[in-house]
Amino acid sequence: MKKVSKITRRRFITGSAIGVLGLPFLSLSGRNVAPGDRVRVAVIGLGSQGRSHMNWFNALPEVEIAALCDVDKIRLENAARQLKSVNPEAAPDLYTDFRKILDRKDIDAVTCATPDHWHALIAIMAFQAGKDVYGEKPLTYSLTEGQAMLTHLKNNNSIFQLGTQIHAGENFHRVAEIIQSGALGKIHTVRLWKTGGSPGLGFPQNETPPETLDWDMWLGPAPYAEYTPVRCHGTYRHFFDYSGGVFADFWCHIADIMFMSIHPKGLYSIESRGERSYDGISDTPRWIDVDFRFKDLDVYWTTIPPDVPDSDKMHIGAHFEGSNGSLTCDYNNRLISIGNEIVNDIPEIPVTIPRSPGHQQNFIDSVKSRIQPESNLDYVREMTIPMHLAVISFRLKRKLEWDSTNETFTGDSAASYLLSRAYRKPWSLPI
C-alpha cells in the first residue's frame, strides 16, 4: 500500500467507494476485494457475542479481521483458534489491552462486545483514534456517557452502529410501515415486555482471580470489587456496578420497534416498580414494571406479557394500540387487529422503508461511504434514554419527572446524581 501512504486509511477506503457514494446502502458482498481495499476490523471482547462479531465480519468479503482483544487470555486464544478454523488465511494479532489496537493506524474499525461499563469509553477512545465503531447493546452504562459519545463522534466525523441486529430484519421494517401508514389510526398506548429477570446468584466467597484474567483491567472504570466468578463472565449483567440487568440488556431490542415506528417525543414522567433478587448477591431487578409518559403517548414495560392476544407466546414483544386497531409483534411475528378482522399483513400498504443489506454489512457500507447506518448513534442514544431513567427510578423507588429538552430531572438532585458515575482511577470519561 505504498501508493496510499500519504493519505489516511479512512480517506482511502472512502475513495474506493466513490462510484456509489451517496447511496443509502452500498453493498459490495460477493465481489473479489483486493487486500488493500478491505476494511480492517479489530474485535474487542471475545465472549459469546464477541465471537459472533468475529464470525459475522469475517464472513464479509471486504473485511479482514486484523486483531482480537480480550483481558482473558483463554478466551482470546480460543477465539483465535475458532477464527483460524473457519478462515485458514486469518492471521489476527492478539492483545489483552485494547489501547494497543487504537494505536495502530492500519485498523479502520473496532467492534466492542465487552461488559456494558466499558462500552462508552472504548467507543470514545476509538473515535479519538480515527476509528469507526460497531458497539454492542446496551449503548452505555449511563446517560452522561451517551452524551459524551455523541460529542466525540461528531467531533471526529466517526461512524457508529449499535448491535441491534433485529433492527435489520424484515419484520421490524414491515411493522413500522404498517403503523406509519395510519391503518391503526393514532397510536396512543404501547406495551413492551420481556420475561425473566436477574437471579440471586447465591453468596459465593471471593477468590483470587485466575492468572489468565486481568481482573483489574476487566473492572476498568467500574468501582473496585474483589473477584468472584459470578461477577465476571456471563453473569456480570446482574450487578449495577456493570449493567442494569435483563431489563437494560433487552430494552433496546424491543423499544427499537417503537422508536422505529413512531419515534415518541416529550418523555416527562417515569415510574418503576419492582424487586431485586432476594437469594443472592446480584442487585439488578428480579422483575421490573415501568410506566412512561410521553407527549400524547403512554408506554408500559412489564416483566410478564400483558393481557393482549398471542402475547403469552412471546417472551419479548410490543403491542401498539391505536384509535382504529392494534398490532402485536415480536422479532419475527406480527398480529394486526382492525375491527373484527385479525391478519398478519395488510398487502395494500406499500413498501416505503428501504430494506437493510444486513446489519453488519450496513456498518461496513457506512465505513466506506461515510453515511451513518440505520442504528446510528443519534437514533440509538435517544432510544436508550428511557431505559437509563427507568433504572434510576427503580433504584430510588420513586416516580421521577424528566425535562426532555435539557435532559435533566426536575427538582430531584439524587436522581440527577445517578445520570453519571465517577470513573475509577486512572480512567476518566472524556467530556
Protein backbone atom coordinates (compact mmCIF):
# COMPACT_ATOMS: atom_id res chain seq x y z
CA MET A 1 0.00 0.00 0.00
CA LYS A 2 2.94 2.37 -0.59
CA LYS A 3 0.94 4.35 -3.13
CA VAL A 4 -1.54 5.46 -0.42
CA SER A 5 0.94 6.03 2.36
CA LYS A 6 0.33 9.79 2.32
CA ILE A 7 -3.40 9.59 2.93
CA THR A 8 -5.34 8.08 5.80
CA ARG A 9 -6.88 4.63 5.53
CA ARG A 10 -10.28 6.24 6.15
CA ARG A 11 -9.87 8.50 3.11
CA PHE A 12 -8.50 5.64 1.03
CA ILE A 13 -11.37 3.30 1.81
CA THR A 14 -13.90 6.09 1.24
CA GLY A 15 -12.28 6.78 -2.11
CA SER A 16 -12.60 3.16 -3.15
CA ALA A 17 -16.37 3.52 -2.87
CA ILE A 18 -16.57 6.88 -4.64
CA GLY A 19 -18.55 5.50 -7.57
CA VAL A 20 -21.56 4.82 -5.34
CA LEU A 21 -21.05 7.46 -2.69
CA GLY A 22 -24.41 8.84 -1.67
CA LEU A 23 -26.42 5.65 -1.94
CA PRO A 24 -28.01 4.81 1.43
CA PHE A 25 -26.83 1.20 1.34
CA LEU A 26 -23.67 0.26 -0.55
CA SER A 27 -23.23 -3.50 -0.78
CA LEU A 28 -20.03 -5.00 -2.13
CA SER A 29 -20.69 -8.54 -0.93
CA GLY A 30 -19.66 -11.27 -3.30
CA ARG A 31 -17.00 -9.29 -5.14
CA ASN A 32 -13.36 -10.13 -5.17
CA VAL A 33 -11.85 -7.43 -2.97
CA ALA A 34 -8.18 -6.56 -3.15
CA PRO A 35 -6.42 -6.83 0.23
CA GLY A 36 -5.66 -3.09 0.27
CA ASP A 37 -9.36 -2.26 -0.21
CA ARG A 38 -10.56 -4.33 2.73
CA VAL A 39 -11.86 -2.75 5.90
CA ARG A 40 -9.51 -3.89 8.66
CA VAL A 41 -11.53 -4.67 11.79
CA ALA A 42 -10.47 -5.46 15.36
CA VAL A 43 -12.80 -7.30 17.74
CA ILE A 44 -12.63 -6.21 21.40
CA GLY A 45 -14.27 -8.56 23.90
CA LEU A 46 -14.49 -12.24 22.98
CA GLY A 47 -17.30 -13.76 24.97
CA SER A 48 -20.12 -15.42 23.03
CA GLN A 49 -21.31 -12.17 21.47
CA GLY A 50 -17.78 -11.04 20.63
CA ARG A 51 -17.12 -14.32 18.85
CA SER A 52 -20.35 -13.72 16.93
CA HIS A 53 -18.93 -10.34 15.88
CA MET A 54 -15.78 -12.08 14.74
CA ASN A 55 -17.73 -14.63 12.68
CA TRP A 56 -20.14 -12.08 11.19
CA PHE A 57 -17.47 -9.70 9.99
CA ASN A 58 -15.11 -12.46 8.90
CA ALA A 59 -17.87 -13.67 6.56
CA LEU A 60 -17.91 -10.36 4.67
CA PRO A 61 -15.52 -10.46 1.68
CA GLU A 62 -14.44 -6.84 2.07
CA VAL A 63 -13.43 -7.27 5.74
CA GLU A 64 -10.20 -8.52 7.26
CA ILE A 65 -10.13 -9.39 10.95
CA ALA A 66 -6.82 -7.72 11.80
CA ALA A 67 -6.78 -8.07 15.60
CA LEU A 68 -8.52 -9.71 18.54
CA CYS A 69 -8.53 -8.46 22.12
CA ASP A 70 -9.70 -9.80 25.47
CA VAL A 71 -8.49 -9.43 29.06
CA ASP A 72 -8.97 -13.19 29.46
CA LYS A 73 -6.13 -14.99 27.66
CA ILE A 74 -8.10 -18.24 27.46
CA ARG A 75 -10.97 -16.55 25.66
CA LEU A 76 -8.53 -14.72 23.42
CA GLU A 77 -6.69 -17.87 22.36
CA ASN A 78 -9.91 -19.85 21.88
CA ALA A 79 -11.32 -17.13 19.64
CA ALA A 80 -8.14 -17.05 17.56
CA ARG A 81 -8.36 -20.83 17.05
CA GLN A 82 -12.03 -20.57 16.14
CA LEU A 83 -11.32 -17.90 13.54
CA LYS A 84 -8.49 -19.94 12.07
CA SER A 85 -10.75 -22.97 11.78
CA VAL A 86 -13.19 -21.12 9.52
CA ASN A 87 -10.62 -18.91 7.77
CA PRO A 88 -7.20 -20.56 7.50
CA GLU A 89 -5.79 -17.37 5.97
CA ALA A 90 -6.69 -15.29 9.03
CA ALA A 91 -3.69 -14.01 10.98
CA PRO A 92 -5.02 -11.54 13.57
CA ASP A 93 -2.71 -10.01 16.12
CA LEU A 94 -3.74 -10.82 19.71
CA TYR A 95 -3.94 -8.27 22.52
CA THR A 96 -5.08 -8.10 26.12
CA ASP A 97 -5.11 -4.26 26.17
CA PHE A 98 -7.42 -2.58 23.66
CA ARG A 99 -5.35 0.62 23.69
CA LYS A 100 -2.67 -1.12 21.64
CA ILE A 101 -5.27 -1.66 18.92
CA LEU A 102 -6.23 2.01 18.97
CA ASP A 103 -2.58 2.97 18.48
CA ARG A 104 -2.49 1.14 15.14
CA LYS A 105 -3.03 3.34 12.09
CA ASP A 106 -3.80 0.34 9.86
CA ILE A 107 -7.01 -0.63 11.69
CA ASP A 108 -10.13 1.07 10.38
CA ALA A 109 -12.85 -0.05 12.77
CA VAL A 110 -13.41 -1.87 16.03
CA THR A 111 -16.29 -3.91 17.33
CA CYS A 112 -16.93 -3.82 21.06
CA ALA A 113 -18.60 -6.70 22.90
CA THR A 114 -17.21 -6.04 26.37
CA PRO A 115 -19.33 -5.76 29.52
CA ASP A 116 -21.58 -2.68 29.49
CA HIS A 117 -19.44 -0.48 31.73
CA TRP A 118 -16.70 -0.41 29.06
CA HIS A 119 -18.88 0.40 26.03
CA ALA A 120 -18.72 4.19 26.07
CA LEU A 121 -15.06 4.64 26.96
CA ILE A 122 -13.80 2.22 24.31
CA ALA A 123 -16.03 3.87 21.68
CA ILE A 124 -14.91 7.38 22.56
CA MET A 125 -11.25 6.44 22.58
CA ALA A 126 -11.73 4.71 19.23
CA PHE A 127 -13.37 7.82 17.78
CA GLN A 128 -10.43 9.89 19.01
CA ALA A 129 -8.05 7.44 17.34
CA GLY A 130 -9.84 7.84 14.00
CA LYS A 131 -11.67 4.53 14.07
CA ASP A 132 -15.31 3.67 13.49
CA VAL A 133 -17.21 1.54 15.99
CA TYR A 134 -19.75 -1.28 15.92
CA GLY A 135 -20.80 -1.46 19.58
CA GLU A 136 -22.89 -3.95 21.49
CA LYS A 137 -26.01 -3.02 23.40
CA PRO A 138 -26.90 -1.54 25.72
CA LEU A 139 -25.32 1.58 24.26
CA THR A 140 -23.83 2.85 27.53
CA TYR A 141 -23.77 2.29 31.26
CA SER A 142 -25.05 5.82 31.99
CA LEU A 143 -26.90 8.61 30.23
CA THR A 144 -23.97 11.02 30.51
CA GLU A 145 -21.74 8.55 28.66
CA GLY A 146 -24.14 8.64 25.72
CA GLN A 147 -23.95 12.42 25.60
CA ALA A 148 -20.15 12.24 25.58
CA MET A 149 -20.15 9.58 22.85
CA LEU A 150 -22.28 11.76 20.59
CA THR A 151 -20.00 14.76 21.10
CA HIS A 152 -16.88 12.80 20.21
CA LEU A 153 -18.50 11.03 17.26
CA LYS A 154 -19.39 14.39 15.72
CA ASN A 155 -16.03 15.97 16.56
CA ASN A 156 -14.21 13.14 14.79
CA ASN A 157 -16.67 12.51 11.93
CA SER A 158 -16.95 8.89 13.05
CA ILE A 159 -19.36 6.12 12.13
CA PHE A 160 -21.22 4.15 14.80
CA GLN A 161 -23.65 1.24 14.63
CA LEU A 162 -25.33 -0.29 17.70
CA GLY A 163 -25.63 -4.07 17.72
CA THR A 164 -29.43 -4.16 17.50
CA GLN A 165 -29.29 -6.92 14.92
CA ILE A 166 -33.07 -7.42 14.89
CA HIS A 167 -33.46 -3.85 13.58
CA ALA A 168 -32.25 -5.04 10.17
CA GLY A 169 -34.91 -7.74 9.87
CA GLU A 170 -37.90 -7.72 7.54
CA ASN A 171 -40.48 -7.91 10.34
CA PHE A 172 -39.48 -4.69 12.09
CA HIS A 173 -39.39 -2.84 8.77
CA ARG A 174 -42.86 -4.10 7.86
CA VAL A 175 -44.32 -3.30 11.30
CA ALA A 176 -43.01 0.26 11.01
CA GLU A 177 -44.55 0.63 7.54
CA ILE A 178 -47.95 -0.58 8.73
CA ILE A 179 -48.00 1.74 11.74
CA GLN A 180 -46.71 4.73 9.79
CA SER A 181 -49.37 4.16 7.11
CA GLY A 182 -52.06 5.22 9.59
CA ALA A 183 -54.01 1.99 9.22
CA LEU A 184 -54.24 1.64 13.01
CA GLY A 185 -55.14 5.29 13.49
CA LYS A 186 -53.35 7.40 16.09
CA ILE A 187 -51.21 5.28 18.41
CA HIS A 188 -51.97 6.25 22.00
CA THR A 189 -50.55 3.32 24.01
CA VAL A 190 -47.60 0.97 23.60
CA ARG A 191 -46.95 -2.07 25.80
CA LEU A 192 -43.47 -3.59 25.85
CA TRP A 193 -42.35 -6.68 27.73
CA LYS A 194 -39.54 -9.11 28.34
CA THR A 195 -39.94 -12.14 30.58
CA GLY A 196 -37.29 -13.11 33.11
CA GLY A 197 -35.01 -11.19 35.41
CA SER A 198 -31.84 -11.34 37.41
CA PRO A 199 -31.21 -14.47 39.51
CA GLY A 200 -29.86 -14.22 43.01
CA LEU A 201 -26.55 -15.99 42.21
CA GLY A 202 -26.13 -17.12 45.79
CA PHE A 203 -23.50 -15.84 48.24
CA PRO A 204 -20.15 -17.07 46.86
CA GLN A 205 -16.85 -16.37 48.56
CA ASN A 206 -14.31 -14.05 46.98
CA GLU A 207 -11.46 -15.76 45.16
CA THR A 208 -8.07 -14.98 43.70
CA PRO A 209 -8.56 -14.13 40.01
CA PRO A 210 -7.20 -16.71 37.56
CA GLU A 211 -3.71 -15.90 36.28
CA THR A 212 -5.13 -15.82 32.77
CA LEU A 213 -7.56 -12.99 33.64
CA ASP A 214 -6.57 -9.35 34.16
CA TRP A 215 -9.26 -8.60 36.73
CA ASP A 216 -8.20 -5.00 37.29
CA MET A 217 -8.48 -4.31 33.56
CA TRP A 218 -11.82 -6.14 33.42
CA LEU A 219 -13.12 -3.78 36.12
CA GLY A 220 -11.66 -0.76 34.35
CA PRO A 221 -13.71 2.35 35.20
CA ALA A 222 -16.15 0.43 37.45
CA PRO A 223 -15.80 0.53 41.26
CA TYR A 224 -13.24 -1.87 42.67
CA ALA A 225 -14.62 -5.22 43.83
CA GLU A 226 -12.97 -8.43 44.91
CA TYR A 227 -13.15 -11.17 42.32
CA THR A 228 -15.77 -13.87 42.37
CA PRO A 229 -16.70 -15.75 39.18
CA VAL A 230 -20.35 -14.67 39.24
CA ARG A 231 -19.32 -11.00 38.97
CA CYS A 232 -17.47 -11.73 35.74
CA HIS A 233 -18.15 -13.68 32.56
CA GLY A 234 -21.77 -14.42 31.72
CA THR A 235 -23.43 -13.11 34.86
CA TYR A 236 -21.84 -9.67 35.29
CA ARG A 237 -25.06 -8.18 33.93
CA HIS A 238 -26.85 -8.84 37.20
CA PHE A 239 -24.82 -6.22 39.08
CA PHE A 240 -25.48 -2.49 38.96
CA ASP A 241 -21.73 -1.90 39.04
CA TYR A 242 -21.57 -3.12 35.43
CA SER A 243 -25.06 -3.17 33.91
CA GLY A 244 -28.79 -2.88 34.55
CA GLY A 245 -29.90 -6.49 34.40
CA VAL A 246 -32.16 -8.22 31.89
CA PHE A 247 -34.18 -5.02 31.54
CA ALA A 248 -31.19 -2.95 30.39
CA ASP A 249 -30.00 -5.79 28.17
CA PHE A 250 -33.23 -6.25 26.21
CA TRP A 251 -34.82 -2.78 26.34
CA CYS A 252 -33.25 -1.63 23.10
CA HIS A 253 -34.21 -4.76 21.18
CA ILE A 254 -37.95 -4.22 21.63
CA ALA A 255 -38.12 -0.46 22.29
CA ASP A 256 -36.39 -0.24 18.91
CA ILE A 257 -39.59 -1.13 17.06
CA MET A 258 -41.49 1.57 18.97
CA PHE A 259 -38.91 4.26 18.12
CA MET A 260 -38.57 2.96 14.57
CA SER A 261 -42.35 3.14 14.07
CA ILE A 262 -43.48 6.28 15.91
CA HIS A 263 -40.37 7.93 17.38
CA PRO A 264 -42.02 9.13 20.61
CA LYS A 265 -41.13 12.60 21.86
CA GLY A 266 -41.51 14.59 25.04
CA LEU A 267 -40.89 12.00 27.77
CA TYR A 268 -41.81 13.69 31.05
CA SER A 269 -42.60 11.03 33.66
CA ILE A 270 -41.06 7.69 34.67
CA GLU A 271 -42.26 5.40 37.45
CA SER A 272 -40.68 2.00 38.09
CA ARG A 273 -41.85 -0.76 40.40
CA GLY A 274 -40.03 -3.99 41.11
CA GLU A 275 -37.81 -6.09 43.33
CA ARG A 276 -34.22 -7.22 43.30
CA SER A 277 -33.32 -10.85 43.74
CA TYR A 278 -33.59 -11.93 47.35
CA ASP A 279 -31.47 -15.10 47.32
CA GLY A 280 -28.01 -13.84 46.44
CA ILE A 281 -25.59 -11.01 45.81
CA SER A 282 -26.99 -9.75 42.49
CA ASP A 283 -28.78 -6.42 42.80
CA THR A 284 -30.44 -5.74 39.44
CA PRO A 285 -34.21 -6.31 39.04
CA ARG A 286 -35.71 -9.75 39.52
CA TRP A 287 -38.74 -8.06 37.98
CA ILE A 288 -39.44 -4.51 36.89
CA ASP A 289 -42.54 -2.74 35.57
CA VAL A 290 -42.32 0.83 34.32
CA ASP A 291 -44.85 3.50 33.36
CA PHE A 292 -43.55 6.09 30.89
CA ARG A 293 -45.46 9.21 29.93
CA PHE A 294 -44.53 10.85 26.63
CA LYS A 295 -46.32 13.71 24.96
CA ASP A 296 -49.53 12.13 23.58
CA LEU A 297 -48.31 8.57 24.33
CA ASP A 298 -48.39 6.17 27.27
CA VAL A 299 -45.80 3.39 27.33
CA TYR A 300 -45.80 0.45 29.75
CA TRP A 301 -42.97 -2.02 30.31
CA THR A 302 -43.75 -5.27 32.14
CA THR A 303 -41.81 -8.38 33.09
CA ILE A 304 -44.73 -10.63 32.21
CA PRO A 305 -46.69 -10.37 28.94
CA PRO A 306 -49.70 -8.02 29.02
CA ASP A 307 -53.24 -9.28 28.53
CA VAL A 308 -53.33 -8.95 24.74
CA PRO A 309 -53.81 -11.63 22.06
CA ASP A 310 -50.88 -14.00 21.49
CA SER A 311 -48.60 -12.20 23.97
CA ASP A 312 -48.38 -15.39 26.02
CA LYS A 313 -46.50 -16.96 23.08
CA MET A 314 -43.84 -14.22 23.11
CA HIS A 315 -41.06 -13.94 25.68
CA ILE A 316 -40.44 -10.43 24.34
CA GLY A 317 -42.83 -8.23 22.44
CA ALA A 318 -44.55 -4.95 21.67
CA HIS A 319 -48.24 -4.12 21.45
CA PHE A 320 -49.41 -0.93 19.72
CA GLU A 321 -52.92 0.37 20.49
CA GLY A 322 -54.37 2.85 18.01
CA SER A 323 -57.70 4.58 17.52
CA ASN A 324 -58.59 2.17 14.68
CA GLY A 325 -56.85 -1.06 15.68
CA SER A 326 -53.88 -2.74 17.30
CA LEU A 327 -50.71 -4.60 16.36
CA THR A 328 -48.76 -7.12 18.43
CA CYS A 329 -45.27 -8.22 17.39
CA ASP A 330 -42.02 -9.80 18.41
CA TYR A 331 -38.82 -10.17 16.41
CA ASN A 332 -40.35 -12.38 13.69
CA ASN A 333 -44.13 -12.24 14.02
CA ARG A 334 -46.97 -9.72 13.92
CA LEU A 335 -50.71 -9.85 14.56
CA ILE A 336 -52.90 -6.99 13.33
CA SER A 337 -56.42 -6.46 14.66
CA ILE A 338 -58.76 -3.97 12.92
CA GLY A 339 -62.45 -4.27 13.72
CA ASN A 340 -63.35 -7.96 13.67
CA GLU A 341 -60.52 -8.86 11.32
CA ILE A 342 -57.21 -10.36 12.51
CA VAL A 343 -54.42 -10.60 9.93
CA ASN A 344 -50.62 -10.67 9.80
CA ASP A 345 -50.25 -8.15 7.00
CA ILE A 346 -52.11 -5.51 5.01
CA PRO A 347 -50.87 -6.12 1.45
CA GLU A 348 -52.22 -2.85 0.06
CA ILE A 349 -49.81 -0.89 2.29
CA PRO A 350 -46.78 -0.33 0.06
CA VAL A 351 -43.14 -0.92 0.90
CA THR A 352 -41.83 2.54 1.83
CA ILE A 353 -38.80 1.85 4.04
CA PRO A 354 -35.52 0.77 2.36
CA ARG A 355 -34.51 -2.73 3.48
CA SER A 356 -31.17 -3.35 5.16
CA PRO A 357 -28.38 -5.21 3.36
CA GLY A 358 -27.69 -6.91 6.70
CA HIS A 359 -26.79 -5.29 9.99
CA GLN A 360 -23.04 -5.85 9.79
CA GLN A 361 -22.95 -5.14 6.07
CA ASN A 362 -24.75 -1.86 6.77
CA PHE A 363 -21.93 -0.88 9.11
CA ILE A 364 -19.17 -1.75 6.63
CA ASP A 365 -21.01 0.08 3.86
CA SER A 366 -21.18 3.12 6.15
CA VAL A 367 -17.47 2.93 6.93
CA LYS A 368 -16.84 3.16 3.19
CA SER A 369 -19.49 5.70 2.22
CA ARG A 370 -19.33 7.84 5.44
CA ILE A 371 -23.14 7.75 5.58
CA GLN A 372 -24.39 6.84 9.06
CA PRO A 373 -26.05 3.38 9.32
CA GLU A 374 -29.61 2.59 10.39
CA SER A 375 -28.83 2.04 14.09
CA ASN A 376 -26.76 5.21 14.25
CA LEU A 377 -25.73 6.98 17.44
CA ASP A 378 -28.21 9.86 17.25
CA TYR A 379 -31.09 7.39 16.96
CA VAL A 380 -29.98 4.76 19.47
CA ARG A 381 -28.93 7.26 22.13
CA GLU A 382 -32.42 8.75 22.17
CA MET A 383 -33.90 5.25 22.25
CA THR A 384 -31.69 4.31 25.23
CA ILE A 385 -32.52 7.29 27.46
CA PRO A 386 -35.84 5.90 28.84
CA MET A 387 -34.02 2.73 29.94
CA HIS A 388 -31.49 4.72 31.98
CA LEU A 389 -34.24 6.75 33.62
CA ALA A 390 -36.27 3.65 34.50
CA VAL A 391 -33.24 2.07 36.18
CA ILE A 392 -32.77 5.22 38.27
CA SER A 393 -36.44 5.20 39.26
CA PHE A 394 -36.10 1.53 40.26
CA ARG A 395 -33.04 2.26 42.39
CA LEU A 396 -34.62 5.27 44.11
CA LYS A 397 -38.05 3.61 44.38
CA ARG A 398 -39.98 6.68 43.30
CA LYS A 399 -41.64 8.41 40.37
CA LEU A 400 -39.40 10.86 38.51
CA GLU A 401 -40.16 13.95 36.42
CA TRP A 402 -37.97 14.49 33.36
CA ASP A 403 -37.10 17.55 31.29
CA SER A 404 -36.55 16.10 27.81
CA THR A 405 -35.28 19.34 26.32
CA ASN A 406 -32.46 19.78 28.82
CA GLU A 407 -32.04 16.07 29.65
CA THR A 408 -32.26 16.54 33.39
CA PHE A 409 -34.60 15.57 36.21
CA THR A 410 -36.92 18.18 37.61
CA GLY A 411 -36.27 19.00 41.26
CA ASP A 412 -34.50 15.76 42.18
CA SER A 413 -30.79 16.07 42.90
CA ALA A 414 -30.42 12.41 43.89
CA ALA A 415 -31.84 11.24 40.58
CA SER A 416 -29.66 13.72 38.68
CA TYR A 417 -26.61 12.39 40.51
CA LEU A 418 -27.30 8.92 39.09
CA LEU A 419 -27.22 10.16 35.49
CA SER A 420 -23.45 9.74 35.62
CA ARG A 421 -20.79 7.93 37.62
CA ALA A 422 -17.25 8.89 38.52
CA TYR A 423 -14.74 6.56 36.92
CA ARG A 424 -12.25 4.60 38.98
CA LYS A 425 -8.77 5.98 38.54
CA PRO A 426 -6.79 6.09 36.33
CA TRP A 427 -9.76 6.00 33.93
CA SER A 428 -11.76 9.12 33.11
CA LEU A 429 -14.61 9.91 30.74
CA PRO A 430 -13.62 12.45 28.06
CA ILE A 431 -16.37 15.11 28.03
